[in-house]
Structures are given as C-alpha cells and as structure tokens.
Amino acid sequence: MREGSGTGRWQVIFETQDESEWHAHLRRLRAGTERIDWAMTRIDTLCGRLVHPTTYRLSLFVPGPVCDPGRERPGH
C-alpha cells in the first residue's frame, strides 16, 4: 500500500433536522447539472431518539495531500 493513500477527511456539505428538507436537497443534487461522485460521499442519519432530534448529514471525502515517494519525509 502506498504511503498516504486513503488519507483525507470527511467534510460536511449539508446537514438538517428536517426530513422533508433533506429529501428535497438530495433531489436537487440528483437533478442538478453539477455532477457528484456519489462514491466519495457519505450519508449519516444520526438518531437522537428521545433526547435529540434526528439529524441528516451529507459529507464529501476530501483527499489529503499526496505523498511524493521521491521526497524524504521530515524527521527521517
């Protein structure tokens, strides 16, 4: 496995506690002209049960910097 492969972070691009707003947002994304790489997205449904309301979250994976194998890593 290459060093640095798979590194990155999940960036929240949409979040709501309103289920109808959530579905409307997804419909707009699917119908829009801007193409989304759905393989790089994550959908979370955070169930609050009785304590907190349910939250719907759409996140996009943002890759980290690519390591150049020809460059020496700091500290090595």
N, C-alpha and C. Protein backbone atom coordinates (compact mmCIF):
# COMPACT_ATOMS: atom_id res chain seq x y z
N MET A 1 0.84 -1.19 0.00
CA MET A 1 0.00 0.00 0.00
C MET A 1 0.88 1.24 0.00
N ARG A 2 0.55 2.19 -0.84
CA ARG A 2 1.30 3.44 -0.91
C ARG A 2 1.11 4.26 0.34
N GLU A 3 2.16 4.94 0.76
CA GLU A 3 2.03 5.85 1.88
C GLU A 3 1.12 6.99 1.50
N GLY A 4 0.23 7.37 2.39
CA GLY A 4 -0.66 8.49 2.15
C GLY A 4 -1.92 8.13 1.40
N SER A 5 -2.01 6.92 0.87
CA SER A 5 -3.24 6.58 0.16
C SER A 5 -4.36 6.40 1.18
N GLY A 6 -5.53 6.88 0.82
CA GLY A 6 -6.67 6.76 1.71
C GLY A 6 -6.73 7.81 2.80
N THR A 7 -5.76 8.72 2.82
CA THR A 7 -5.80 9.76 3.84
C THR A 7 -6.69 10.89 3.37
N GLY A 8 -7.29 11.53 4.29
CA GLY A 8 -8.17 12.65 3.99
C GLY A 8 -9.14 12.86 5.13
N ARG A 9 -10.21 13.59 4.84
CA ARG A 9 -11.20 13.88 5.88
C ARG A 9 -12.58 13.97 5.24
N TRP A 10 -13.60 13.83 6.08
CA TRP A 10 -14.98 13.98 5.63
C TRP A 10 -15.41 15.41 5.93
N GLN A 11 -15.85 16.12 4.90
CA GLN A 11 -16.32 17.50 5.04
C GLN A 11 -17.84 17.51 4.91
N VAL A 12 -18.52 18.00 5.93
CA VAL A 12 -19.98 18.09 5.89
C VAL A 12 -20.37 19.16 4.88
N ILE A 13 -21.21 18.76 3.91
CA ILE A 13 -21.66 19.74 2.91
C ILE A 13 -23.14 20.11 3.08
N PHE A 14 -23.87 19.31 3.84
CA PHE A 14 -25.27 19.63 4.13
C PHE A 14 -25.70 18.88 5.38
N GLU A 15 -26.46 19.59 6.23
CA GLU A 15 -26.97 18.97 7.45
C GLU A 15 -28.28 19.63 7.83
N THR A 16 -29.25 18.81 8.21
CA THR A 16 -30.55 19.34 8.62
C THR A 16 -31.22 18.36 9.58
N GLN A 17 -32.20 18.88 10.32
CA GLN A 17 -33.03 18.04 11.17
C GLN A 17 -34.44 17.91 10.60
N ASP A 18 -34.64 18.49 9.43
CA ASP A 18 -35.93 18.47 8.75
C ASP A 18 -35.89 17.42 7.63
N GLU A 19 -36.63 16.33 7.80
CA GLU A 19 -36.57 15.23 6.84
C GLU A 19 -37.02 15.66 5.45
N SER A 20 -38.05 16.49 5.34
CA SER A 20 -38.51 16.93 4.02
C SER A 20 -37.45 17.81 3.35
N GLU A 21 -36.76 18.64 4.10
CA GLU A 21 -35.67 19.46 3.57
C GLU A 21 -34.53 18.56 3.08
N TRP A 22 -34.26 17.51 3.83
CA TRP A 22 -33.22 16.54 3.48
C TRP A 22 -33.51 15.89 2.12
N HIS A 23 -34.74 15.39 1.96
CA HIS A 23 -35.12 14.75 0.71
C HIS A 23 -35.12 15.74 -0.46
N ALA A 24 -35.56 16.95 -0.21
CA ALA A 24 -35.57 17.98 -1.27
C ALA A 24 -34.14 18.31 -1.70
N HIS A 25 -33.23 18.39 -0.75
CA HIS A 25 -31.83 18.70 -1.08
C HIS A 25 -31.23 17.58 -1.93
N LEU A 26 -31.47 16.34 -1.56
CA LEU A 26 -30.95 15.22 -2.35
C LEU A 26 -31.54 15.21 -3.76
N ARG A 27 -32.84 15.51 -3.88
CA ARG A 27 -33.47 15.58 -5.22
C ARG A 27 -32.81 16.66 -6.07
N ARG A 28 -32.55 17.83 -5.47
CA ARG A 28 -31.89 18.92 -6.21
C ARG A 28 -30.50 18.50 -6.67
N LEU A 29 -29.75 17.81 -5.81
CA LEU A 29 -28.41 17.36 -6.18
C LEU A 29 -28.46 16.37 -7.35
N ARG A 30 -29.39 15.45 -7.29
CA ARG A 30 -29.50 14.44 -8.35
C ARG A 30 -29.97 15.05 -9.68
N ALA A 31 -30.80 16.08 -9.62
CA ALA A 31 -31.34 16.69 -10.82
C ALA A 31 -30.45 17.80 -11.37
N GLY A 32 -29.51 18.27 -10.58
CA GLY A 32 -28.67 19.40 -10.97
C GLY A 32 -27.69 19.07 -12.08
N THR A 33 -27.13 20.12 -12.67
CA THR A 33 -26.16 19.95 -13.75
C THR A 33 -24.78 19.60 -13.21
N GLU A 34 -24.49 19.98 -11.99
CA GLU A 34 -23.19 19.64 -11.39
C GLU A 34 -23.20 18.17 -10.98
N ARG A 35 -22.23 17.44 -11.48
CA ARG A 35 -22.16 16.01 -11.19
C ARG A 35 -21.41 15.77 -9.88
N ILE A 36 -21.96 14.85 -9.10
CA ILE A 36 -21.37 14.50 -7.81
C ILE A 36 -20.87 13.07 -7.89
N ASP A 37 -19.68 12.84 -7.39
CA ASP A 37 -19.15 11.49 -7.32
C ASP A 37 -19.72 10.86 -6.05
N TRP A 38 -20.81 10.13 -6.21
CA TRP A 38 -21.51 9.57 -5.05
C TRP A 38 -20.66 8.56 -4.32
N ALA A 39 -19.65 8.00 -4.98
CA ALA A 39 -18.74 7.06 -4.31
C ALA A 39 -17.88 7.78 -3.27
N MET A 40 -17.80 9.10 -3.38
CA MET A 40 -16.98 9.90 -2.45
C MET A 40 -17.85 10.62 -1.42
N THR A 41 -19.09 10.20 -1.29
CA THR A 41 -19.99 10.83 -0.32
C THR A 41 -20.36 9.84 0.78
N ARG A 42 -20.80 10.41 1.87
CA ARG A 42 -21.27 9.60 3.00
C ARG A 42 -22.55 10.24 3.50
N ILE A 43 -23.57 9.41 3.72
CA ILE A 43 -24.84 9.87 4.27
C ILE A 43 -24.97 9.30 5.66
N ASP A 44 -25.17 10.18 6.62
CA ASP A 44 -25.36 9.76 8.01
C ASP A 44 -26.74 10.17 8.48
N THR A 45 -27.41 9.28 9.17
CA THR A 45 -28.66 9.60 9.85
C THR A 45 -28.39 9.39 11.33
N LEU A 46 -28.29 10.47 12.05
CA LEU A 46 -27.96 10.42 13.47
C LEU A 46 -29.26 10.42 14.26
N CYS A 47 -29.61 9.27 14.78
CA CYS A 47 -30.87 9.13 15.52
C CYS A 47 -30.71 9.66 16.93
N GLY A 48 -31.48 10.68 17.24
CA GLY A 48 -31.41 11.26 18.56
C GLY A 48 -32.34 10.59 19.54
N ARG A 49 -33.25 9.84 19.02
CA ARG A 49 -34.27 9.16 19.83
C ARG A 49 -35.04 10.19 20.66
N LEU A 50 -35.13 10.01 21.94
CA LEU A 50 -35.94 10.91 22.76
C LEU A 50 -35.18 12.15 23.22
N VAL A 51 -33.86 12.10 23.19
CA VAL A 51 -33.05 13.19 23.74
C VAL A 51 -32.83 14.31 22.73
N HIS A 52 -32.46 13.96 21.50
CA HIS A 52 -32.14 14.94 20.46
C HIS A 52 -32.94 14.60 19.19
N PRO A 53 -33.23 15.61 18.38
CA PRO A 53 -33.91 15.30 17.11
C PRO A 53 -32.97 14.56 16.16
N THR A 54 -33.55 13.79 15.25
CA THR A 54 -32.75 13.09 14.24
C THR A 54 -32.10 14.12 13.32
N THR A 55 -30.85 13.88 12.99
CA THR A 55 -30.10 14.77 12.11
C THR A 55 -29.67 14.00 10.87
N TYR A 56 -29.83 14.63 9.72
CA TYR A 56 -29.43 14.05 8.44
C TYR A 56 -28.21 14.82 7.95
N ARG A 57 -27.15 14.08 7.57
CA ARG A 57 -25.89 14.74 7.21
C ARG A 57 -25.32 14.13 5.94
N LEU A 58 -24.91 15.00 5.01
CA LEU A 58 -24.25 14.58 3.78
C LEU A 58 -22.82 15.11 3.83
N SER A 59 -21.85 14.21 3.70
CA SER A 59 -20.44 14.58 3.75
C SER A 59 -19.74 14.14 2.48
N LEU A 60 -18.70 14.86 2.13
CA LEU A 60 -17.88 14.57 0.96
C LEU A 60 -16.47 14.28 1.42
N PHE A 61 -15.86 13.20 0.89
CA PHE A 61 -14.49 12.87 1.25
C PHE A 61 -13.54 13.79 0.52
N VAL A 62 -12.69 14.47 1.28
CA VAL A 62 -11.69 15.37 0.73
C VAL A 62 -10.34 14.69 0.92
N PRO A 63 -9.69 14.25 -0.17
CA PRO A 63 -8.42 13.55 -0.04
C PRO A 63 -7.35 14.47 0.56
N GLY A 64 -6.46 13.86 1.33
CA GLY A 64 -5.33 14.59 1.90
C GLY A 64 -4.26 14.77 0.84
N PRO A 65 -3.21 15.47 1.20
CA PRO A 65 -2.12 15.67 0.25
C PRO A 65 -1.49 14.33 -0.13
N VAL A 66 -1.10 14.23 -1.38
CA VAL A 66 -0.47 13.01 -1.88
C VAL A 66 1.01 13.05 -1.53
N CYS A 67 1.51 11.97 -0.96
CA CYS A 67 2.93 11.88 -0.63
C CYS A 67 3.72 11.58 -1.90
N ASP A 68 4.82 12.28 -2.07
CA ASP A 68 5.72 12.04 -3.19
C ASP A 68 6.79 11.07 -2.70
N PRO A 69 6.80 9.83 -3.19
CA PRO A 69 7.75 8.84 -2.70
C PRO A 69 9.20 9.26 -2.93
N GLY A 70 9.45 10.17 -3.87
CA GLY A 70 10.81 10.62 -4.13
C GLY A 70 11.31 11.63 -3.12
N ARG A 71 10.41 12.22 -2.37
CA ARG A 71 10.80 13.23 -1.36
C ARG A 71 10.98 12.56 -0.03
N GLU A 72 11.96 13.02 0.71
CA GLU A 72 12.20 12.48 2.03
C GLU A 72 11.21 13.09 3.01
N ARG A 73 10.68 12.25 3.89
CA ARG A 73 9.74 12.75 4.89
C ARG A 73 10.52 13.49 5.97
N PRO A 74 9.93 14.55 6.53
CA PRO A 74 10.58 15.27 7.62
C PRO A 74 10.81 14.34 8.79
N GLY A 75 11.96 14.46 9.41
CA GLY A 75 12.28 13.67 10.59
C GLY A 75 12.85 12.30 10.27
N HIS A 76 13.05 12.01 8.98
CA HIS A 76 13.61 10.69 8.61
C HIS A 76 14.85 10.87 7.80
